[in-house]
Amino acid sequence: MILAVDTSLGTAVALIDADGGRRAEAGAVDPLGHAEVIGDLLVAALGEAGDGEITHVVAGMGPGPFTGLRIGIAAARAFALGRGLPVIPVPSHLAAALTALESETAPFAIVTDARRREVAITVFEGLDSDGLPVVTAETVLVRATDADAHLDGIRRIDVTTLSATDLARVGARALAAGRTLTGDEPLYMRHPDVTVPGAPKRVGT
């Protein structure tokens, strides 16, 4: 089985079989309560999945807010470390695109709330030979009021919840194809509000 964890929007956890079949899924839509629910969601999903060996852990890497995104990535890495499993980093918008591609054929944009009146946008069109969504325009951060002008007629799909099952499927397909979809650094899109202060200024005497 493959376990997937994502906190780019709400909190989402799922397990799939090696063939991509859904074994279990649990989630919460609150975009702020990741730390409070992620442990319970993992327990619920693992219980629903039943017996079976977990071989890989997929971590949703964003785009997403700094604090919330870190919680899911840390949970995925901690689970993997505890069981000696490899982590597969996957951009979260790829999961949303895979879900959309069940009905979409023309180019479309996945749009997610980035807070501060901004949205994160990634444009896709179809699947490649490995069954992975094809990115035609990389993720950018745009003012929400400018999103339609930026897309210039491309159909937008506003996503508020993410399918961890489809995140796991993207990870499984990348694994089968021997592909790395992103690095280990999360896609925060902006720096955190709180930063470590620099060295104190010297005061003259």
N, C-alpha and C. Protein backbone atom coordinates (compact mmCIF):
# COMPACT_ATOMS: atom_id res chain seq x y z
N MET A 1 0.84 -1.20 0.00
CA MET A 1 0.00 0.00 0.00
C MET A 1 0.88 1.25 0.00
N ILE A 2 0.29 2.34 -0.47
CA ILE A 2 0.94 3.64 -0.45
C ILE A 2 0.08 4.59 0.37
N LEU A 3 0.72 5.27 1.32
CA LEU A 3 0.05 6.25 2.17
C LEU A 3 0.33 7.64 1.61
N ALA A 4 -0.69 8.49 1.56
CA ALA A 4 -0.52 9.88 1.13
C ALA A 4 -1.05 10.82 2.20
N VAL A 5 -0.32 11.92 2.40
CA VAL A 5 -0.69 12.93 3.39
C VAL A 5 -0.56 14.30 2.75
N ASP A 6 -1.58 15.14 2.93
CA ASP A 6 -1.53 16.50 2.38
C ASP A 6 -2.23 17.47 3.30
N THR A 7 -1.60 18.63 3.52
CA THR A 7 -2.23 19.70 4.31
C THR A 7 -2.11 21.03 3.59
N SER A 8 -2.15 21.01 2.27
CA SER A 8 -2.06 22.25 1.51
C SER A 8 -3.35 23.06 1.56
N LEU A 9 -4.47 22.38 1.77
CA LEU A 9 -5.77 23.05 1.90
C LEU A 9 -6.36 22.66 3.26
N GLY A 10 -7.21 21.64 3.29
CA GLY A 10 -7.58 21.05 4.55
C GLY A 10 -6.54 20.01 4.92
N THR A 11 -6.97 18.96 5.62
CA THR A 11 -6.08 17.85 5.97
C THR A 11 -6.61 16.60 5.31
N ALA A 12 -5.78 15.90 4.55
CA ALA A 12 -6.23 14.74 3.79
C ALA A 12 -5.23 13.60 3.91
N VAL A 13 -5.77 12.40 4.16
CA VAL A 13 -4.95 11.19 4.32
C VAL A 13 -5.63 10.08 3.54
N ALA A 14 -4.85 9.24 2.85
CA ALA A 14 -5.44 8.12 2.12
C ALA A 14 -4.41 7.02 1.95
N LEU A 15 -4.92 5.81 1.72
CA LEU A 15 -4.08 4.68 1.36
C LEU A 15 -4.65 4.01 0.12
N ILE A 16 -3.75 3.62 -0.79
CA ILE A 16 -4.16 2.91 -2.00
C ILE A 16 -3.38 1.61 -2.13
N ASP A 17 -3.94 0.68 -2.90
CA ASP A 17 -3.24 -0.54 -3.25
C ASP A 17 -2.18 -0.24 -4.31
N ALA A 18 -1.36 -1.23 -4.59
CA ALA A 18 -0.32 -1.07 -5.62
C ALA A 18 -0.91 -0.76 -6.99
N ASP A 19 -2.15 -1.23 -7.25
CA ASP A 19 -2.79 -0.98 -8.54
C ASP A 19 -3.58 0.33 -8.57
N GLY A 20 -3.50 1.12 -7.51
CA GLY A 20 -4.19 2.41 -7.46
C GLY A 20 -5.56 2.37 -6.85
N GLY A 21 -6.02 1.21 -6.44
CA GLY A 21 -7.34 1.10 -5.83
C GLY A 21 -7.37 1.73 -4.44
N ARG A 22 -8.44 2.43 -4.15
CA ARG A 22 -8.57 3.10 -2.85
C ARG A 22 -8.80 2.09 -1.74
N ARG A 23 -7.99 2.18 -0.68
CA ARG A 23 -8.17 1.34 0.49
C ARG A 23 -8.83 2.10 1.64
N ALA A 24 -8.45 3.37 1.78
CA ALA A 24 -9.01 4.18 2.87
C ALA A 24 -8.74 5.64 2.61
N GLU A 25 -9.63 6.49 3.12
CA GLU A 25 -9.42 7.93 2.99
C GLU A 25 -10.10 8.63 4.15
N ALA A 26 -9.44 9.66 4.68
CA ALA A 26 -10.00 10.45 5.77
C ALA A 26 -9.55 11.89 5.57
N GLY A 27 -10.40 12.82 5.97
CA GLY A 27 -10.03 14.22 5.75
C GLY A 27 -10.82 15.17 6.61
N ALA A 28 -10.33 16.40 6.68
CA ALA A 28 -11.01 17.48 7.39
C ALA A 28 -10.83 18.74 6.55
N VAL A 29 -11.88 19.54 6.42
CA VAL A 29 -11.84 20.70 5.53
C VAL A 29 -11.28 21.95 6.19
N ASP A 30 -11.19 21.97 7.51
CA ASP A 30 -10.69 23.15 8.22
C ASP A 30 -9.25 23.45 7.75
N PRO A 31 -9.02 24.64 7.18
CA PRO A 31 -7.68 24.95 6.70
C PRO A 31 -6.71 25.38 7.78
N LEU A 32 -7.15 25.39 9.03
CA LEU A 32 -6.30 25.87 10.12
C LEU A 32 -6.02 24.81 11.18
N GLY A 33 -6.79 23.75 11.24
CA GLY A 33 -6.67 22.80 12.35
C GLY A 33 -5.88 21.55 12.03
N HIS A 34 -4.86 21.65 11.20
CA HIS A 34 -4.12 20.46 10.77
C HIS A 34 -3.52 19.68 11.94
N ALA A 35 -2.83 20.38 12.82
CA ALA A 35 -2.12 19.71 13.91
C ALA A 35 -3.08 18.97 14.84
N GLU A 36 -4.28 19.53 15.01
CA GLU A 36 -5.24 18.93 15.93
C GLU A 36 -5.85 17.64 15.39
N VAL A 37 -5.93 17.48 14.06
CA VAL A 37 -6.67 16.35 13.50
C VAL A 37 -5.82 15.32 12.77
N ILE A 38 -4.59 15.67 12.40
CA ILE A 38 -3.86 14.78 11.51
C ILE A 38 -3.57 13.42 12.14
N GLY A 39 -3.29 13.40 13.44
CA GLY A 39 -3.04 12.12 14.10
C GLY A 39 -4.26 11.22 14.07
N ASP A 40 -5.41 11.78 14.39
CA ASP A 40 -6.65 10.99 14.38
C ASP A 40 -7.00 10.52 12.97
N LEU A 41 -6.76 11.37 11.97
CA LEU A 41 -7.05 10.96 10.60
C LEU A 41 -6.16 9.82 10.15
N LEU A 42 -4.89 9.86 10.53
CA LEU A 42 -3.98 8.76 10.20
C LEU A 42 -4.45 7.46 10.84
N VAL A 43 -4.82 7.54 12.11
CA VAL A 43 -5.30 6.34 12.80
C VAL A 43 -6.56 5.79 12.13
N ALA A 44 -7.49 6.69 11.78
CA ALA A 44 -8.73 6.26 11.14
C ALA A 44 -8.46 5.61 9.79
N ALA A 45 -7.60 6.23 8.99
CA ALA A 45 -7.31 5.69 7.65
C ALA A 45 -6.60 4.34 7.75
N LEU A 46 -5.65 4.24 8.64
CA LEU A 46 -4.93 2.97 8.80
C LEU A 46 -5.86 1.87 9.28
N GLY A 47 -6.79 2.23 10.17
CA GLY A 47 -7.76 1.24 10.63
C GLY A 47 -8.69 0.79 9.54
N GLU A 48 -9.15 1.74 8.70
CA GLU A 48 -10.04 1.40 7.60
C GLU A 48 -9.34 0.56 6.54
N ALA A 49 -8.06 0.83 6.30
CA ALA A 49 -7.32 0.10 5.27
C ALA A 49 -7.12 -1.37 5.63
N GLY A 50 -7.05 -1.68 6.92
CA GLY A 50 -6.87 -3.06 7.32
C GLY A 50 -5.46 -3.56 7.08
N ASP A 51 -5.34 -4.87 6.99
CA ASP A 51 -4.02 -5.48 6.86
C ASP A 51 -3.39 -5.15 5.50
N GLY A 52 -2.10 -5.05 5.50
CA GLY A 52 -1.36 -4.78 4.27
C GLY A 52 -0.11 -4.00 4.58
N GLU A 53 0.94 -4.24 3.83
CA GLU A 53 2.21 -3.57 4.06
C GLU A 53 2.26 -2.24 3.33
N ILE A 54 2.62 -1.19 4.04
CA ILE A 54 2.83 0.12 3.42
C ILE A 54 4.26 0.17 2.92
N THR A 55 4.44 0.52 1.66
CA THR A 55 5.77 0.51 1.05
C THR A 55 6.34 1.91 0.81
N HIS A 56 5.47 2.91 0.64
CA HIS A 56 5.91 4.26 0.37
C HIS A 56 4.95 5.26 1.01
N VAL A 57 5.46 6.46 1.25
CA VAL A 57 4.64 7.55 1.78
C VAL A 57 4.75 8.73 0.82
N VAL A 58 3.60 9.22 0.36
CA VAL A 58 3.55 10.38 -0.53
C VAL A 58 3.25 11.62 0.30
N ALA A 59 4.05 12.65 0.11
CA ALA A 59 3.84 13.92 0.83
C ALA A 59 3.42 14.99 -0.15
N GLY A 60 2.28 15.63 0.11
CA GLY A 60 1.86 16.77 -0.70
C GLY A 60 2.72 17.98 -0.38
N MET A 61 3.39 18.54 -1.39
CA MET A 61 4.38 19.58 -1.18
C MET A 61 3.86 21.00 -1.45
N GLY A 62 2.56 21.14 -1.67
CA GLY A 62 2.02 22.46 -1.90
C GLY A 62 1.84 22.75 -3.38
N PRO A 63 1.42 23.96 -3.70
CA PRO A 63 1.52 25.19 -2.91
C PRO A 63 0.55 25.22 -1.73
N GLY A 64 0.98 25.93 -0.69
CA GLY A 64 0.13 26.06 0.48
C GLY A 64 0.75 27.01 1.47
N PRO A 65 0.00 27.39 2.51
CA PRO A 65 0.51 28.29 3.55
C PRO A 65 1.66 27.64 4.31
N PHE A 66 2.56 28.45 4.81
CA PHE A 66 3.79 27.97 5.43
C PHE A 66 3.55 26.98 6.56
N THR A 67 2.79 27.39 7.57
CA THR A 67 2.63 26.54 8.75
C THR A 67 1.83 25.29 8.45
N GLY A 68 0.68 25.44 7.78
CA GLY A 68 -0.16 24.29 7.51
C GLY A 68 0.54 23.25 6.65
N LEU A 69 1.25 23.68 5.63
CA LEU A 69 1.93 22.76 4.74
C LEU A 69 3.01 21.97 5.46
N ARG A 70 3.72 22.64 6.36
CA ARG A 70 4.79 21.97 7.10
C ARG A 70 4.26 20.84 7.96
N ILE A 71 3.05 20.99 8.49
CA ILE A 71 2.50 19.97 9.38
C ILE A 71 2.31 18.65 8.64
N GLY A 72 1.73 18.71 7.44
CA GLY A 72 1.52 17.48 6.68
C GLY A 72 2.82 16.85 6.22
N ILE A 73 3.76 17.66 5.78
CA ILE A 73 5.05 17.13 5.33
C ILE A 73 5.79 16.49 6.50
N ALA A 74 5.76 17.16 7.64
CA ALA A 74 6.42 16.60 8.82
C ALA A 74 5.78 15.28 9.25
N ALA A 75 4.45 15.21 9.19
CA ALA A 75 3.76 13.98 9.55
C ALA A 75 4.13 12.84 8.60
N ALA A 76 4.15 13.14 7.29
CA ALA A 76 4.52 12.12 6.30
C ALA A 76 5.94 11.63 6.52
N ARG A 77 6.85 12.56 6.76
CA ARG A 77 8.25 12.19 6.96
C ARG A 77 8.46 11.43 8.25
N ALA A 78 7.74 11.83 9.31
CA ALA A 78 7.87 11.13 10.59
C ALA A 78 7.36 9.69 10.48
N PHE A 79 6.21 9.53 9.81
CA PHE A 79 5.66 8.17 9.63
C PHE A 79 6.64 7.33 8.83
N ALA A 80 7.19 7.89 7.76
CA ALA A 80 8.12 7.15 6.92
C ALA A 80 9.39 6.80 7.68
N LEU A 81 9.90 7.75 8.44
CA LEU A 81 11.12 7.50 9.21
C LEU A 81 10.90 6.39 10.23
N GLY A 82 9.75 6.41 10.89
CA GLY A 82 9.46 5.40 11.90
C GLY A 82 9.39 3.99 11.34
N ARG A 83 9.02 3.88 10.07
CA ARG A 83 8.89 2.55 9.45
C ARG A 83 9.98 2.26 8.42
N GLY A 84 10.91 3.19 8.27
CA GLY A 84 11.98 2.98 7.32
C GLY A 84 11.52 2.96 5.87
N LEU A 85 10.59 3.87 5.54
CA LEU A 85 10.00 3.90 4.20
C LEU A 85 10.48 5.12 3.42
N PRO A 86 10.53 5.03 2.09
CA PRO A 86 10.87 6.20 1.28
C PRO A 86 9.69 7.15 1.17
N VAL A 87 10.01 8.44 1.05
CA VAL A 87 8.99 9.49 0.86
C VAL A 87 9.01 9.93 -0.59
N ILE A 88 7.82 10.05 -1.19
CA ILE A 88 7.69 10.54 -2.56
C ILE A 88 7.05 11.94 -2.50
N PRO A 89 7.81 12.99 -2.80
CA PRO A 89 7.23 14.34 -2.79
C PRO A 89 6.44 14.60 -4.08
N VAL A 90 5.22 15.12 -3.92
CA VAL A 90 4.35 15.36 -5.07
C VAL A 90 3.72 16.76 -4.94
N PRO A 91 3.80 17.60 -5.97
CA PRO A 91 3.08 18.88 -5.92
C PRO A 91 1.58 18.63 -5.76
N SER A 92 0.98 19.31 -4.82
CA SER A 92 -0.43 19.06 -4.49
C SER A 92 -1.38 19.34 -5.65
N HIS A 93 -1.06 20.33 -6.49
CA HIS A 93 -1.93 20.65 -7.61
C HIS A 93 -2.03 19.50 -8.61
N LEU A 94 -1.03 18.61 -8.65
CA LEU A 94 -1.12 17.46 -9.55
C LEU A 94 -2.25 16.52 -9.14
N ALA A 95 -2.48 16.39 -7.84
CA ALA A 95 -3.58 15.56 -7.37
C ALA A 95 -4.92 16.16 -7.77
N ALA A 96 -5.07 17.48 -7.59
CA ALA A 96 -6.31 18.14 -7.99
C ALA A 96 -6.52 18.03 -9.49
N ALA A 97 -5.43 18.11 -10.27
CA ALA A 97 -5.54 17.98 -11.72
C ALA A 97 -5.97 16.57 -12.12
N LEU A 98 -5.44 15.56 -11.45
CA LEU A 98 -5.84 14.19 -11.76
C LEU A 98 -7.32 13.99 -11.50
N THR A 99 -7.82 14.55 -10.42
CA THR A 99 -9.25 14.49 -10.13
C THR A 99 -10.05 15.18 -11.23
N ALA A 100 -9.61 16.36 -11.65
CA ALA A 100 -10.33 17.12 -12.68
C ALA A 100 -10.32 16.41 -14.01
N LEU A 101 -9.25 15.68 -14.30
CA LEU A 101 -9.12 15.04 -15.60
C LEU A 101 -10.08 13.87 -15.81
N GLU A 102 -10.83 13.53 -14.79
CA GLU A 102 -11.90 12.54 -14.98
C GLU A 102 -12.97 13.09 -15.91
N SER A 103 -13.06 14.43 -16.00
CA SER A 103 -14.10 15.03 -16.84
C SER A 103 -13.58 16.11 -17.78
N GLU A 104 -12.34 16.57 -17.60
CA GLU A 104 -11.80 17.66 -18.40
C GLU A 104 -10.92 17.13 -19.53
N THR A 105 -11.01 17.74 -20.69
CA THR A 105 -10.13 17.40 -21.81
C THR A 105 -9.36 18.61 -22.32
N ALA A 106 -9.99 19.78 -22.26
CA ALA A 106 -9.34 21.01 -22.72
C ALA A 106 -8.38 21.51 -21.63
N PRO A 107 -7.49 22.44 -21.96
CA PRO A 107 -6.64 23.04 -20.93
C PRO A 107 -7.46 23.64 -19.80
N PHE A 108 -6.97 23.53 -18.60
CA PHE A 108 -7.67 24.06 -17.44
C PHE A 108 -6.65 24.47 -16.39
N ALA A 109 -7.09 25.29 -15.45
CA ALA A 109 -6.22 25.76 -14.38
C ALA A 109 -6.76 25.31 -13.03
N ILE A 110 -5.88 24.77 -12.22
CA ILE A 110 -6.20 24.50 -10.83
C ILE A 110 -5.89 25.77 -10.05
N VAL A 111 -6.88 26.26 -9.30
CA VAL A 111 -6.75 27.51 -8.56
C VAL A 111 -7.04 27.23 -7.08
N THR A 112 -6.10 27.58 -6.21
CA THR A 112 -6.30 27.38 -4.77
C THR A 112 -6.03 28.68 -4.02
N ASP A 113 -6.70 28.82 -2.90
CA ASP A 113 -6.56 30.02 -2.07
C ASP A 113 -5.17 30.05 -1.45
N ALA A 114 -4.47 31.15 -1.65
CA ALA A 114 -3.14 31.31 -1.06
C ALA A 114 -3.17 32.31 0.10
N ARG A 115 -4.37 32.72 0.51
CA ARG A 115 -4.55 33.70 1.57
C ARG A 115 -4.08 35.09 1.10
N ARG A 116 -4.31 36.06 1.94
CA ARG A 116 -3.95 37.46 1.65
C ARG A 116 -4.48 37.92 0.29
N ARG A 117 -5.67 37.46 -0.05
CA ARG A 117 -6.34 37.85 -1.30
C ARG A 117 -5.53 37.45 -2.54
N GLU A 118 -4.82 36.36 -2.43
CA GLU A 118 -4.06 35.83 -3.56
C GLU A 118 -4.46 34.38 -3.80
N VAL A 119 -4.21 33.91 -5.02
CA VAL A 119 -4.47 32.51 -5.37
C VAL A 119 -3.24 31.93 -6.05
N ALA A 120 -3.09 30.61 -5.91
CA ALA A 120 -2.03 29.88 -6.61
C ALA A 120 -2.66 29.20 -7.82
N ILE A 121 -2.00 29.32 -8.96
CA ILE A 121 -2.56 28.83 -10.23
C ILE A 121 -1.55 27.94 -10.94
N THR A 122 -2.01 26.77 -11.38
CA THR A 122 -1.21 25.90 -12.25
C THR A 122 -2.09 25.48 -13.41
N VAL A 123 -1.56 25.53 -14.63
CA VAL A 123 -2.33 25.18 -15.82
C VAL A 123 -1.91 23.79 -16.31
N PHE A 124 -2.92 22.98 -16.68
CA PHE A 124 -2.70 21.60 -17.11
C PHE A 124 -3.43 21.33 -18.42
N GLU A 125 -2.97 20.26 -19.10
CA GLU A 125 -3.71 19.76 -20.26
C GLU A 125 -3.40 18.28 -20.45
N GLY A 126 -4.38 17.43 -20.17
CA GLY A 126 -4.27 16.01 -20.45
C GLY A 126 -3.28 15.26 -19.58
N LEU A 127 -3.07 13.99 -19.95
CA LEU A 127 -2.14 13.10 -19.26
C LEU A 127 -1.00 12.73 -20.19
N ASP A 128 0.18 12.52 -19.62
CA ASP A 128 1.29 12.05 -20.43
C ASP A 128 1.30 10.53 -20.51
N SER A 129 2.31 9.97 -21.11
CA SER A 129 2.35 8.52 -21.31
C SER A 129 2.48 7.73 -20.01
N ASP A 130 2.85 8.40 -18.93
CA ASP A 130 2.94 7.75 -17.63
C ASP A 130 1.67 7.92 -16.81
N GLY A 131 0.65 8.55 -17.41
CA GLY A 131 -0.60 8.77 -16.70
C GLY A 131 -0.57 9.93 -15.73
N LEU A 132 0.38 10.83 -15.90
CA LEU A 132 0.52 11.98 -15.02
C LEU A 132 0.00 13.24 -15.70
N PRO A 133 -0.65 14.14 -14.94
CA PRO A 133 -1.15 15.39 -15.53
C PRO A 133 0.00 16.21 -16.12
N VAL A 134 -0.24 16.77 -17.30
CA VAL A 134 0.78 17.56 -17.99
C VAL A 134 0.65 19.02 -17.59
N VAL A 135 1.71 19.57 -17.02
CA VAL A 135 1.74 20.97 -16.64
C VAL A 135 2.15 21.81 -17.85
N THR A 136 1.29 22.74 -18.23
CA THR A 136 1.62 23.63 -19.36
C THR A 136 2.02 25.02 -18.89
N ALA A 137 1.74 25.37 -17.66
CA ALA A 137 2.20 26.63 -17.07
C ALA A 137 2.43 26.39 -15.59
N GLU A 138 3.66 26.62 -15.15
CA GLU A 138 4.03 26.32 -13.77
C GLU A 138 3.25 27.18 -12.78
N THR A 139 3.25 26.74 -11.53
CA THR A 139 2.49 27.41 -10.48
C THR A 139 2.99 28.83 -10.24
N VAL A 140 2.03 29.75 -10.20
CA VAL A 140 2.34 31.15 -9.91
C VAL A 140 1.35 31.67 -8.87
N LEU A 141 1.78 32.72 -8.19
CA LEU A 141 0.92 33.39 -7.21
C LEU A 141 0.40 34.66 -7.84
N VAL A 142 -0.94 34.82 -7.81
CA VAL A 142 -1.58 35.95 -8.49
C VAL A 142 -2.62 36.57 -7.54
N ARG A 143 -2.79 37.86 -7.62
CA ARG A 143 -3.87 38.49 -6.85
C ARG A 143 -5.20 37.90 -7.30
N ALA A 144 -6.07 37.61 -6.35
CA ALA A 144 -7.34 36.96 -6.67
C ALA A 144 -8.14 37.77 -7.69
N THR A 145 -8.08 39.07 -7.59
CA THR A 145 -8.84 39.91 -8.52
C THR A 145 -8.26 39.91 -9.92
N ASP A 146 -7.01 39.46 -10.06
CA ASP A 146 -6.36 39.44 -11.37
C ASP A 146 -6.33 38.04 -12.00
N ALA A 147 -6.90 37.05 -11.30
CA ALA A 147 -6.77 35.66 -11.74
C ALA A 147 -7.39 35.42 -13.12
N ASP A 148 -8.58 35.93 -13.35
CA ASP A 148 -9.24 35.69 -14.64
C ASP A 148 -8.47 36.34 -15.78
N ALA A 149 -7.97 37.53 -15.55
CA ALA A 149 -7.17 38.19 -16.59
C ALA A 149 -5.89 37.42 -16.86
N HIS A 150 -5.30 36.90 -15.80
CA HIS A 150 -4.07 36.11 -15.97
C HIS A 150 -4.34 34.86 -16.79
N LEU A 151 -5.47 34.22 -16.57
CA LEU A 151 -5.80 32.98 -17.27
C LEU A 151 -6.25 33.22 -18.70
N ASP A 152 -6.75 34.41 -18.99
CA ASP A 152 -7.08 34.80 -20.36
C ASP A 152 -7.96 33.76 -21.08
N GLY A 153 -9.03 33.36 -20.41
CA GLY A 153 -10.00 32.46 -21.04
C GLY A 153 -9.82 30.99 -20.72
N ILE A 154 -8.72 30.61 -20.12
CA ILE A 154 -8.53 29.20 -19.73
C ILE A 154 -9.51 28.88 -18.62
N ARG A 155 -10.18 27.73 -18.75
CA ARG A 155 -11.14 27.34 -17.72
C ARG A 155 -10.46 27.18 -16.37
N ARG A 156 -11.03 27.79 -15.34
CA ARG A 156 -10.47 27.68 -13.99
C ARG A 156 -11.30 26.73 -13.15
N ILE A 157 -10.62 25.94 -12.36
CA ILE A 157 -11.27 25.04 -11.41
C ILE A 157 -10.79 25.43 -10.02
N ASP A 158 -11.67 26.03 -9.24
CA ASP A 158 -11.31 26.45 -7.89
C ASP A 158 -11.44 25.26 -6.95
N VAL A 159 -10.36 24.91 -6.31
CA VAL A 159 -10.28 23.71 -5.48
C VAL A 159 -10.20 24.12 -4.01
N THR A 160 -11.08 23.55 -3.19
CA THR A 160 -11.06 23.85 -1.76
C THR A 160 -10.70 22.63 -0.92
N THR A 161 -10.83 21.44 -1.51
CA THR A 161 -10.41 20.21 -0.83
C THR A 161 -9.61 19.37 -1.81
N LEU A 162 -8.71 18.57 -1.28
CA LEU A 162 -7.82 17.77 -2.11
C LEU A 162 -8.08 16.29 -1.87
N SER A 163 -8.05 15.49 -2.93
CA SER A 163 -8.18 14.05 -2.81
C SER A 163 -6.81 13.45 -2.51
N ALA A 164 -6.64 12.95 -1.29
CA ALA A 164 -5.38 12.28 -0.95
C ALA A 164 -5.25 10.96 -1.73
N THR A 165 -6.38 10.37 -2.12
CA THR A 165 -6.32 9.17 -2.95
C THR A 165 -5.66 9.49 -4.28
N ASP A 166 -6.05 10.59 -4.91
CA ASP A 166 -5.43 10.96 -6.18
C ASP A 166 -3.99 11.42 -5.98
N LEU A 167 -3.67 12.01 -4.83
CA LEU A 167 -2.27 12.34 -4.53
C LEU A 167 -1.44 11.06 -4.49
N ALA A 168 -1.97 10.03 -3.83
CA ALA A 168 -1.27 8.75 -3.77
C ALA A 168 -1.12 8.14 -5.16
N ARG A 169 -2.15 8.27 -5.98
CA ARG A 169 -2.09 7.72 -7.34
C ARG A 169 -1.03 8.42 -8.18
N VAL A 170 -0.93 9.74 -8.04
CA VAL A 170 0.13 10.47 -8.75
C VAL A 170 1.50 9.97 -8.29
N GLY A 171 1.66 9.82 -6.98
CA GLY A 171 2.93 9.32 -6.47
C GLY A 171 3.24 7.92 -6.96
N ALA A 172 2.23 7.06 -7.01
CA ALA A 172 2.43 5.69 -7.48
C ALA A 172 2.83 5.66 -8.95
N ARG A 173 2.21 6.51 -9.76
CA ARG A 173 2.54 6.54 -11.19
C ARG A 173 3.94 7.09 -11.41
N ALA A 174 4.32 8.10 -10.64
CA ALA A 174 5.67 8.63 -10.74
C ALA A 174 6.69 7.57 -10.33
N LEU A 175 6.39 6.84 -9.27
CA LEU A 175 7.27 5.77 -8.82
C LEU A 175 7.44 4.70 -9.89
N ALA A 176 6.33 4.28 -10.48
CA ALA A 176 6.38 3.25 -11.52
C ALA A 176 7.19 3.70 -12.73
N ALA A 177 7.15 5.00 -13.02
CA ALA A 177 7.86 5.54 -14.19
C ALA A 177 9.29 5.95 -13.86
N GLY A 178 9.67 5.84 -12.59
CA GLY A 178 11.01 6.25 -12.18
C GLY A 178 11.22 7.74 -12.27
N ARG A 179 10.17 8.51 -12.02
CA ARG A 179 10.25 9.96 -12.15
C ARG A 179 10.19 10.67 -10.80
N THR A 180 10.91 11.76 -10.70
CA THR A 180 10.85 12.63 -9.53
C THR A 180 10.09 13.89 -9.94
N LEU A 181 8.97 14.16 -9.27
CA LEU A 181 8.09 15.25 -9.68
C LEU A 181 8.46 16.59 -9.07
N THR A 182 9.11 16.56 -7.94
CA THR A 182 9.54 17.80 -7.29
C THR A 182 10.60 17.46 -6.27
N GLY A 183 11.28 18.48 -5.74
CA GLY A 183 12.31 18.26 -4.76
C GLY A 183 11.74 18.16 -3.35
N ASP A 184 12.61 18.18 -2.37
CA ASP A 184 12.20 18.03 -0.98
C ASP A 184 11.75 19.32 -0.33
N GLU A 185 11.93 20.45 -1.02
CA GLU A 185 11.53 21.73 -0.45
C GLU A 185 10.07 22.01 -0.76
N PRO A 186 9.28 22.36 0.26
CA PRO A 186 7.86 22.68 0.02
C PRO A 186 7.69 23.90 -0.87
N LEU A 187 6.56 23.97 -1.55
CA LEU A 187 6.23 25.11 -2.40
C LEU A 187 5.37 26.06 -1.58
N TYR A 188 6.03 26.96 -0.86
CA TYR A 188 5.31 27.89 0.02
C TYR A 188 4.73 29.08 -0.73
N MET A 189 5.34 29.49 -1.84
CA MET A 189 4.93 30.62 -2.65
C MET A 189 5.28 31.97 -2.04
N ARG A 190 5.44 32.03 -0.73
CA ARG A 190 5.88 33.28 -0.09
C ARG A 190 6.59 32.93 1.21
N HIS A 191 7.36 33.88 1.72
CA HIS A 191 8.08 33.66 2.96
C HIS A 191 7.12 33.69 4.15
N PRO A 192 7.46 33.01 5.26
CA PRO A 192 6.60 33.05 6.45
C PRO A 192 6.55 34.45 7.04
N ASP A 193 5.46 34.71 7.76
CA ASP A 193 5.30 36.02 8.40
C ASP A 193 6.33 36.22 9.51
N VAL A 194 6.62 35.14 10.25
CA VAL A 194 7.53 35.22 11.38
C VAL A 194 8.90 34.77 10.92
N THR A 195 9.92 35.55 11.17
CA THR A 195 11.28 35.20 10.79
C THR A 195 12.19 35.28 11.99
N VAL A 196 13.32 34.59 11.91
CA VAL A 196 14.30 34.64 12.99
C VAL A 196 15.00 35.99 12.93
N PRO A 197 15.04 36.72 14.05
CA PRO A 197 15.67 38.04 14.02
C PRO A 197 17.17 37.93 13.79
N GLY A 198 17.72 38.97 13.17
CA GLY A 198 19.15 39.00 12.95
C GLY A 198 19.88 39.35 14.22
N ALA A 199 21.19 39.45 14.10
CA ALA A 199 22.00 39.82 15.26
C ALA A 199 21.63 41.21 15.74
N PRO A 200 21.65 41.44 17.05
CA PRO A 200 21.29 42.77 17.55
C PRO A 200 22.30 43.82 17.10
N LYS A 201 21.79 45.02 16.90
CA LYS A 201 22.66 46.11 16.50
C LYS A 201 23.54 46.55 17.67
N ARG A 202 24.77 46.92 17.34
CA ARG A 202 25.66 47.41 18.36
C ARG A 202 25.27 48.84 18.72
N VAL A 203 25.32 49.12 19.97
CA VAL A 203 24.98 50.45 20.45
C VAL A 203 26.27 51.18 20.77
N GLY A 204 26.43 52.34 20.17
CA GLY A 204 27.64 53.10 20.41
C GLY A 204 27.67 53.68 21.81
N THR A 205 28.86 53.92 22.25
CA THR A 205 29.02 54.49 23.60
C THR A 205 29.55 55.90 23.51
